[in-house]
N, C-alpha and C. Protein backbone atom coordinates (compact mmCIF):
# COMPACT_ATOMS: atom_id res chain seq x y z
N MET A 1 0.83 -1.19 0.00
CA MET A 1 0.00 0.00 0.00
C MET A 1 0.87 1.26 0.00
N ARG A 2 1.81 1.31 0.91
CA ARG A 2 2.72 2.45 0.94
C ARG A 2 3.65 2.40 -0.27
N GLN A 3 4.15 1.20 -0.54
CA GLN A 3 5.15 1.05 -1.59
C GLN A 3 4.60 1.43 -2.97
N GLU A 4 3.33 1.18 -3.21
CA GLU A 4 2.74 1.56 -4.50
C GLU A 4 2.95 3.04 -4.79
N LEU A 5 2.75 3.88 -3.79
CA LEU A 5 2.93 5.32 -3.98
C LEU A 5 4.41 5.68 -4.03
N ILE A 6 5.23 5.05 -3.21
CA ILE A 6 6.67 5.32 -3.23
C ILE A 6 7.23 5.01 -4.62
N ASP A 7 6.77 3.91 -5.21
CA ASP A 7 7.23 3.52 -6.54
C ASP A 7 6.86 4.55 -7.60
N LEU A 8 5.86 5.37 -7.33
CA LEU A 8 5.45 6.44 -8.26
C LEU A 8 6.23 7.73 -8.02
N GLY A 9 7.13 7.72 -7.02
CA GLY A 9 7.89 8.93 -6.70
C GLY A 9 7.22 9.78 -5.65
N VAL A 10 6.25 9.22 -4.95
CA VAL A 10 5.54 9.94 -3.90
C VAL A 10 6.29 9.74 -2.58
N ARG A 11 6.56 10.83 -1.89
CA ARG A 11 7.25 10.77 -0.60
C ARG A 11 6.24 10.69 0.52
N GLU A 12 6.48 9.78 1.42
CA GLU A 12 5.63 9.68 2.60
C GLU A 12 5.95 10.81 3.57
N LEU A 13 4.93 11.45 4.05
CA LEU A 13 5.06 12.46 5.10
C LEU A 13 4.59 11.77 6.38
N ARG A 14 5.52 11.46 7.26
CA ARG A 14 5.21 10.64 8.42
C ARG A 14 4.91 11.44 9.68
N THR A 15 5.25 12.74 9.67
CA THR A 15 5.03 13.58 10.85
C THR A 15 4.38 14.90 10.43
N ALA A 16 3.85 15.59 11.42
CA ALA A 16 3.26 16.91 11.15
C ALA A 16 4.32 17.88 10.62
N VAL A 17 5.54 17.77 11.12
CA VAL A 17 6.64 18.62 10.65
C VAL A 17 6.91 18.35 9.17
N ASP A 18 6.89 17.08 8.76
CA ASP A 18 7.07 16.74 7.35
C ASP A 18 6.01 17.40 6.48
N VAL A 19 4.77 17.37 6.94
CA VAL A 19 3.66 17.96 6.18
C VAL A 19 3.87 19.47 6.05
N ASP A 20 4.17 20.12 7.16
CA ASP A 20 4.39 21.57 7.11
C ASP A 20 5.53 21.93 6.17
N ALA A 21 6.60 21.17 6.21
CA ALA A 21 7.76 21.44 5.34
C ALA A 21 7.39 21.28 3.88
N ALA A 22 6.61 20.27 3.55
CA ALA A 22 6.21 20.05 2.16
C ALA A 22 5.30 21.16 1.67
N VAL A 23 4.35 21.56 2.50
CA VAL A 23 3.38 22.57 2.09
C VAL A 23 3.99 23.96 2.05
N SER A 24 4.73 24.33 3.10
CA SER A 24 5.27 25.69 3.15
C SER A 24 6.56 25.85 2.37
N GLY A 25 7.27 24.75 2.13
CA GLY A 25 8.56 24.85 1.48
C GLY A 25 8.52 24.63 -0.02
N THR A 26 7.34 24.66 -0.61
CA THR A 26 7.22 24.36 -2.03
C THR A 26 6.60 25.49 -2.80
N LYS A 27 7.26 25.86 -3.87
CA LYS A 27 6.66 26.78 -4.83
C LYS A 27 6.00 25.91 -5.88
N GLY A 28 4.84 26.30 -6.31
CA GLY A 28 4.13 25.48 -7.29
C GLY A 28 3.02 24.69 -6.63
N THR A 29 2.76 23.53 -7.18
CA THR A 29 1.63 22.72 -6.74
C THR A 29 2.10 21.50 -5.96
N VAL A 30 1.52 21.32 -4.79
CA VAL A 30 1.79 20.16 -3.93
C VAL A 30 0.58 19.25 -3.99
N MET A 31 0.82 17.98 -4.26
CA MET A 31 -0.25 16.98 -4.19
C MET A 31 -0.04 16.19 -2.91
N ILE A 32 -1.09 16.08 -2.11
CA ILE A 32 -1.05 15.22 -0.93
C ILE A 32 -2.15 14.17 -1.07
N VAL A 33 -1.73 12.92 -1.09
CA VAL A 33 -2.64 11.79 -1.12
C VAL A 33 -2.87 11.35 0.31
N VAL A 34 -4.12 11.24 0.72
CA VAL A 34 -4.44 10.61 2.00
C VAL A 34 -4.70 9.14 1.65
N ASN A 35 -3.69 8.32 1.90
CA ASN A 35 -3.73 6.91 1.56
C ASN A 35 -4.51 6.15 2.64
N SER A 36 -5.03 4.98 2.27
CA SER A 36 -5.72 4.16 3.27
C SER A 36 -5.68 2.70 2.85
N VAL A 37 -6.14 1.83 3.75
CA VAL A 37 -6.14 0.40 3.49
C VAL A 37 -7.41 -0.08 2.82
N CYS A 38 -8.35 0.79 2.57
CA CYS A 38 -9.65 0.38 2.03
C CYS A 38 -9.54 -0.08 0.57
N GLY A 39 -10.55 -0.79 0.15
CA GLY A 39 -10.59 -1.31 -1.21
C GLY A 39 -10.61 -0.24 -2.28
N CYS A 40 -11.26 0.88 -2.01
CA CYS A 40 -11.30 1.92 -3.05
C CYS A 40 -9.95 2.61 -3.21
N ALA A 41 -9.12 2.59 -2.19
CA ALA A 41 -7.75 3.11 -2.33
C ALA A 41 -6.93 2.14 -3.18
N ALA A 42 -7.07 0.85 -2.89
CA ALA A 42 -6.29 -0.17 -3.58
C ALA A 42 -6.71 -0.37 -5.03
N GLY A 43 -8.01 -0.39 -5.27
CA GLY A 43 -8.50 -0.72 -6.59
C GLY A 43 -8.83 0.46 -7.48
N LYS A 44 -8.88 1.65 -6.88
CA LYS A 44 -9.31 2.82 -7.65
C LYS A 44 -8.37 4.01 -7.53
N ALA A 45 -8.15 4.49 -6.32
CA ALA A 45 -7.38 5.73 -6.14
C ALA A 45 -5.91 5.57 -6.54
N ARG A 46 -5.22 4.58 -5.98
CA ARG A 46 -3.80 4.43 -6.31
C ARG A 46 -3.58 4.07 -7.78
N PRO A 47 -4.34 3.12 -8.35
CA PRO A 47 -4.16 2.85 -9.79
C PRO A 47 -4.53 4.05 -10.66
N GLY A 48 -5.56 4.78 -10.31
CA GLY A 48 -5.94 5.97 -11.07
C GLY A 48 -4.85 7.03 -11.02
N LEU A 49 -4.27 7.22 -9.86
CA LEU A 49 -3.17 8.18 -9.71
C LEU A 49 -1.98 7.74 -10.56
N ALA A 50 -1.65 6.46 -10.52
CA ALA A 50 -0.53 5.96 -11.31
C ALA A 50 -0.73 6.25 -12.79
N LEU A 51 -1.92 6.04 -13.29
CA LEU A 51 -2.21 6.34 -14.69
C LEU A 51 -2.09 7.83 -14.98
N ALA A 52 -2.60 8.65 -14.09
CA ALA A 52 -2.58 10.11 -14.31
C ALA A 52 -1.15 10.66 -14.31
N LEU A 53 -0.26 10.03 -13.57
CA LEU A 53 1.11 10.53 -13.48
C LEU A 53 2.00 10.08 -14.65
N ARG A 54 1.51 9.20 -15.49
CA ARG A 54 2.32 8.67 -16.59
C ARG A 54 2.63 9.69 -17.66
N HIS A 55 1.70 10.56 -17.96
CA HIS A 55 1.86 11.47 -19.09
C HIS A 55 1.34 12.84 -18.71
N GLY A 56 1.90 13.84 -19.35
CA GLY A 56 1.38 15.19 -19.20
C GLY A 56 1.76 15.87 -17.91
N PRO A 57 0.98 16.85 -17.56
CA PRO A 57 1.28 17.68 -16.37
C PRO A 57 1.31 16.85 -15.10
N ARG A 58 2.17 17.29 -14.17
CA ARG A 58 2.29 16.66 -12.86
C ARG A 58 2.47 17.75 -11.81
N PRO A 59 2.03 17.48 -10.59
CA PRO A 59 2.33 18.41 -9.50
C PRO A 59 3.83 18.53 -9.30
N ASP A 60 4.26 19.64 -8.74
CA ASP A 60 5.68 19.86 -8.47
C ASP A 60 6.18 18.96 -7.35
N VAL A 61 5.31 18.67 -6.40
CA VAL A 61 5.66 17.81 -5.26
C VAL A 61 4.58 16.75 -5.13
N LEU A 62 5.02 15.51 -4.98
CA LEU A 62 4.13 14.37 -4.78
C LEU A 62 4.36 13.85 -3.37
N ALA A 63 3.32 13.84 -2.55
CA ALA A 63 3.47 13.43 -1.16
C ALA A 63 2.23 12.68 -0.70
N SER A 64 2.39 11.93 0.39
CA SER A 64 1.25 11.20 0.95
C SER A 64 1.34 11.12 2.47
N VAL A 65 0.20 10.94 3.07
CA VAL A 65 0.06 10.61 4.47
C VAL A 65 -0.78 9.34 4.51
N PHE A 66 -0.67 8.57 5.58
CA PHE A 66 -1.40 7.31 5.65
C PHE A 66 -2.39 7.36 6.80
N ALA A 67 -3.67 7.46 6.46
CA ALA A 67 -4.74 7.53 7.46
C ALA A 67 -4.73 6.27 8.32
N GLY A 68 -4.88 6.47 9.63
CA GLY A 68 -4.93 5.35 10.55
C GLY A 68 -3.56 4.88 11.02
N PHE A 69 -2.50 5.31 10.37
CA PHE A 69 -1.15 4.90 10.75
C PHE A 69 -0.31 6.10 11.16
N ASP A 70 -0.19 7.07 10.28
CA ASP A 70 0.57 8.28 10.57
C ASP A 70 -0.42 9.36 10.99
N ILE A 71 -0.93 9.22 12.18
CA ILE A 71 -2.06 10.02 12.65
C ILE A 71 -1.75 11.51 12.72
N ASP A 72 -0.61 11.88 13.29
CA ASP A 72 -0.27 13.31 13.39
C ASP A 72 -0.10 13.93 12.01
N ALA A 73 0.56 13.21 11.11
CA ALA A 73 0.77 13.73 9.75
C ALA A 73 -0.58 13.86 9.03
N THR A 74 -1.42 12.88 9.18
CA THR A 74 -2.74 12.92 8.53
C THR A 74 -3.57 14.07 9.08
N ASP A 75 -3.57 14.23 10.38
CA ASP A 75 -4.31 15.34 10.99
C ASP A 75 -3.79 16.69 10.50
N ARG A 76 -2.47 16.83 10.40
CA ARG A 76 -1.90 18.09 9.94
C ARG A 76 -2.27 18.35 8.48
N ALA A 77 -2.18 17.32 7.65
CA ALA A 77 -2.55 17.48 6.24
C ALA A 77 -4.02 17.92 6.14
N ARG A 78 -4.87 17.26 6.89
CA ARG A 78 -6.29 17.60 6.85
C ARG A 78 -6.55 19.01 7.36
N GLY A 79 -5.67 19.50 8.21
CA GLY A 79 -5.77 20.89 8.68
C GLY A 79 -5.61 21.89 7.54
N TYR A 80 -4.90 21.52 6.51
CA TYR A 80 -4.76 22.37 5.33
C TYR A 80 -5.97 22.27 4.39
N PHE A 81 -6.77 21.22 4.57
CA PHE A 81 -7.89 20.97 3.67
C PHE A 81 -9.15 21.69 4.15
N THR A 82 -9.04 22.97 4.37
CA THR A 82 -10.13 23.79 4.90
C THR A 82 -11.38 23.65 4.03
N GLY A 83 -12.50 23.40 4.70
CA GLY A 83 -13.77 23.29 4.00
C GLY A 83 -14.10 21.88 3.54
N TYR A 84 -13.21 20.93 3.78
CA TYR A 84 -13.45 19.54 3.38
C TYR A 84 -13.46 18.65 4.61
N ALA A 85 -14.42 17.75 4.66
CA ALA A 85 -14.50 16.78 5.77
C ALA A 85 -13.37 15.77 5.61
N PRO A 86 -12.90 15.18 6.73
CA PRO A 86 -11.88 14.14 6.63
C PRO A 86 -12.36 13.02 5.70
N SER A 87 -11.48 12.60 4.83
CA SER A 87 -11.84 11.62 3.81
C SER A 87 -10.61 10.81 3.47
N SER A 88 -10.77 9.50 3.45
CA SER A 88 -9.66 8.67 2.98
C SER A 88 -10.25 7.49 2.20
N PRO A 89 -9.71 7.28 1.04
CA PRO A 89 -8.64 8.05 0.43
C PRO A 89 -9.14 9.40 -0.08
N SER A 90 -8.20 10.27 -0.32
CA SER A 90 -8.49 11.54 -0.99
C SER A 90 -7.18 12.07 -1.58
N ILE A 91 -7.32 12.99 -2.52
CA ILE A 91 -6.15 13.57 -3.18
C ILE A 91 -6.38 15.06 -3.29
N ALA A 92 -5.46 15.82 -2.71
CA ALA A 92 -5.58 17.28 -2.71
C ALA A 92 -4.42 17.90 -3.48
N LEU A 93 -4.72 18.98 -4.17
CA LEU A 93 -3.69 19.82 -4.77
C LEU A 93 -3.71 21.14 -4.03
N LEU A 94 -2.54 21.58 -3.57
CA LEU A 94 -2.42 22.83 -2.83
C LEU A 94 -1.44 23.77 -3.53
N GLN A 95 -1.75 25.04 -3.46
CA GLN A 95 -0.84 26.09 -3.90
C GLN A 95 -0.80 27.13 -2.81
N ASN A 96 0.40 27.51 -2.39
CA ASN A 96 0.58 28.47 -1.31
C ASN A 96 -0.20 28.08 -0.06
N GLY A 97 -0.26 26.78 0.24
CA GLY A 97 -0.91 26.28 1.44
C GLY A 97 -2.42 26.21 1.37
N THR A 98 -3.00 26.47 0.20
CA THR A 98 -4.46 26.47 0.06
C THR A 98 -4.88 25.40 -0.94
N VAL A 99 -5.93 24.67 -0.61
CA VAL A 99 -6.46 23.66 -1.53
C VAL A 99 -7.05 24.34 -2.76
N VAL A 100 -6.58 23.91 -3.93
CA VAL A 100 -7.14 24.40 -5.18
C VAL A 100 -7.96 23.31 -5.87
N TYR A 101 -7.80 22.07 -5.41
CA TYR A 101 -8.54 20.94 -5.97
C TYR A 101 -8.55 19.83 -4.94
N MET A 102 -9.70 19.14 -4.83
CA MET A 102 -9.81 18.02 -3.90
C MET A 102 -10.64 16.91 -4.54
N LEU A 103 -10.11 15.71 -4.53
CA LEU A 103 -10.85 14.52 -4.94
C LEU A 103 -11.11 13.73 -3.67
N GLU A 104 -12.36 13.70 -3.26
CA GLU A 104 -12.73 13.06 -1.99
C GLU A 104 -13.18 11.62 -2.21
N ARG A 105 -13.24 10.88 -1.11
CA ARG A 105 -13.66 9.47 -1.17
C ARG A 105 -14.98 9.30 -1.92
N THR A 106 -15.92 10.19 -1.69
CA THR A 106 -17.22 10.05 -2.36
C THR A 106 -17.11 10.17 -3.88
N GLN A 107 -16.04 10.80 -4.35
CA GLN A 107 -15.80 10.94 -5.79
C GLN A 107 -14.91 9.81 -6.32
N ILE A 108 -14.39 9.01 -5.41
CA ILE A 108 -13.51 7.89 -5.78
C ILE A 108 -14.27 6.58 -5.76
N GLU A 109 -15.05 6.33 -4.72
CA GLU A 109 -15.62 5.01 -4.49
C GLU A 109 -16.59 4.53 -5.56
N ASN A 110 -17.18 5.43 -6.33
CA ASN A 110 -18.14 5.03 -7.36
C ASN A 110 -17.59 5.16 -8.77
N ARG A 111 -16.26 5.28 -8.90
CA ARG A 111 -15.60 5.38 -10.21
C ARG A 111 -14.55 4.29 -10.33
N ASP A 112 -14.16 4.02 -11.56
CA ASP A 112 -13.05 3.09 -11.77
C ASP A 112 -11.75 3.87 -11.92
N ALA A 113 -10.64 3.15 -11.98
CA ALA A 113 -9.32 3.78 -12.04
C ALA A 113 -9.17 4.68 -13.27
N LEU A 114 -9.73 4.28 -14.40
CA LEU A 114 -9.62 5.11 -15.61
C LEU A 114 -10.34 6.44 -15.45
N ALA A 115 -11.50 6.42 -14.85
CA ALA A 115 -12.25 7.66 -14.62
C ALA A 115 -11.50 8.57 -13.63
N ILE A 116 -10.91 7.97 -12.62
CA ILE A 116 -10.13 8.75 -11.65
C ILE A 116 -8.90 9.34 -12.33
N ALA A 117 -8.24 8.55 -13.17
CA ALA A 117 -7.07 9.05 -13.91
C ALA A 117 -7.45 10.23 -14.79
N SER A 118 -8.58 10.14 -15.44
CA SER A 118 -9.05 11.23 -16.29
C SER A 118 -9.32 12.49 -15.48
N GLU A 119 -9.98 12.32 -14.35
CA GLU A 119 -10.28 13.44 -13.46
C GLU A 119 -8.99 14.10 -12.95
N LEU A 120 -8.04 13.28 -12.51
CA LEU A 120 -6.78 13.81 -11.99
C LEU A 120 -5.95 14.47 -13.10
N SER A 121 -5.92 13.86 -14.26
CA SER A 121 -5.18 14.45 -15.39
C SER A 121 -5.72 15.83 -15.73
N SER A 122 -7.02 15.97 -15.70
CA SER A 122 -7.63 17.28 -15.95
C SER A 122 -7.23 18.29 -14.88
N ALA A 123 -7.26 17.87 -13.62
CA ALA A 123 -6.87 18.76 -12.52
C ALA A 123 -5.39 19.12 -12.64
N PHE A 124 -4.54 18.16 -12.98
CA PHE A 124 -3.12 18.45 -13.15
C PHE A 124 -2.92 19.46 -14.27
N GLY A 125 -3.66 19.30 -15.36
CA GLY A 125 -3.55 20.23 -16.47
C GLY A 125 -3.95 21.64 -16.09
N THR A 126 -4.91 21.76 -15.20
CA THR A 126 -5.40 23.06 -14.77
C THR A 126 -4.48 23.72 -13.74
N PHE A 127 -3.94 22.94 -12.81
CA PHE A 127 -3.27 23.53 -11.65
C PHE A 127 -1.75 23.34 -11.56
N CYS A 128 -1.16 22.59 -12.47
CA CYS A 128 0.27 22.32 -12.35
C CYS A 128 1.08 23.22 -13.27
N ALA A 129 2.11 23.86 -12.71
CA ALA A 129 2.94 24.85 -13.38
C ALA A 129 3.52 24.32 -14.68
N ALA A 130 3.35 25.08 -15.71
CA ALA A 130 3.89 24.79 -17.04
C ALA A 130 3.52 23.40 -17.53
N GLY A 131 2.57 22.78 -16.83
CA GLY A 131 2.10 21.48 -17.26
C GLY A 131 3.08 20.34 -17.06
N LEU A 132 4.26 20.57 -16.51
CA LEU A 132 5.23 19.49 -16.41
C LEU A 132 5.74 19.25 -15.00
N GLY A 133 5.57 20.15 -14.10
CA GLY A 133 6.08 19.97 -12.74
C GLY A 133 7.56 20.23 -12.68
N LEU A 134 8.05 20.71 -11.56
CA LEU A 134 9.46 21.04 -11.39
C LEU A 134 10.26 19.89 -10.82
N LYS A 135 9.63 19.05 -10.02
CA LYS A 135 10.30 17.89 -9.45
C LYS A 135 9.25 16.86 -9.12
N SER A 136 9.66 15.63 -9.00
CA SER A 136 8.69 14.55 -8.83
C SER A 136 8.41 14.21 -7.39
N ALA A 137 9.23 14.67 -6.47
CA ALA A 137 8.99 14.34 -5.07
C ALA A 137 9.67 15.37 -4.17
N VAL A 138 9.20 15.44 -2.94
CA VAL A 138 9.83 16.30 -1.95
C VAL A 138 11.21 15.70 -1.68
N ARG A 139 12.21 16.52 -1.64
CA ARG A 139 13.56 16.05 -1.37
C ARG A 139 13.81 16.05 0.13
N SER A 140 14.41 14.97 0.59
CA SER A 140 14.71 14.86 2.03
C SER A 140 15.91 15.69 2.38
C-alpha cells in the first residue's frame, strides 16, 4: 500500500513537521494523497493516480500521508484541507498552502481507475505549473 505510492515517486510524510515542510517549502503545486487500506484506495485511487502521473502535467511535489497509521501527519494534512471533511482516500492539490482541488472518497468510491485518472489528469492540467512539474517528489 505504501510502496505503491513510493514507486510512483511519492514521498511519505510521516510527521506533522514533514507535512508543514512540504506545504510551506514548495513553490508550485503540492499533491497530498491521504492513503488508506480500504478497497477503493487499492482498486481505484492508487491505480488511477498511477495512470494520471504517466503522461502530461504533474504536480511539483508528490506526497502522501497514511490515514490510521501516521495520525499526526494525517491530521496536519487535513488541517490544510479547509472546507473539506476528513476523507480517505483523498487527493488534494495545494498552492501556497491552500487547496485548489480536492478529490474526496465520495468521488472515488463510485468510479473506476480510468475515470479517476481522467479526473486527476484534468486537474493536473489546470493547476500544475507549465504542465510538467518542477520535481517529482519532496527532497529529504
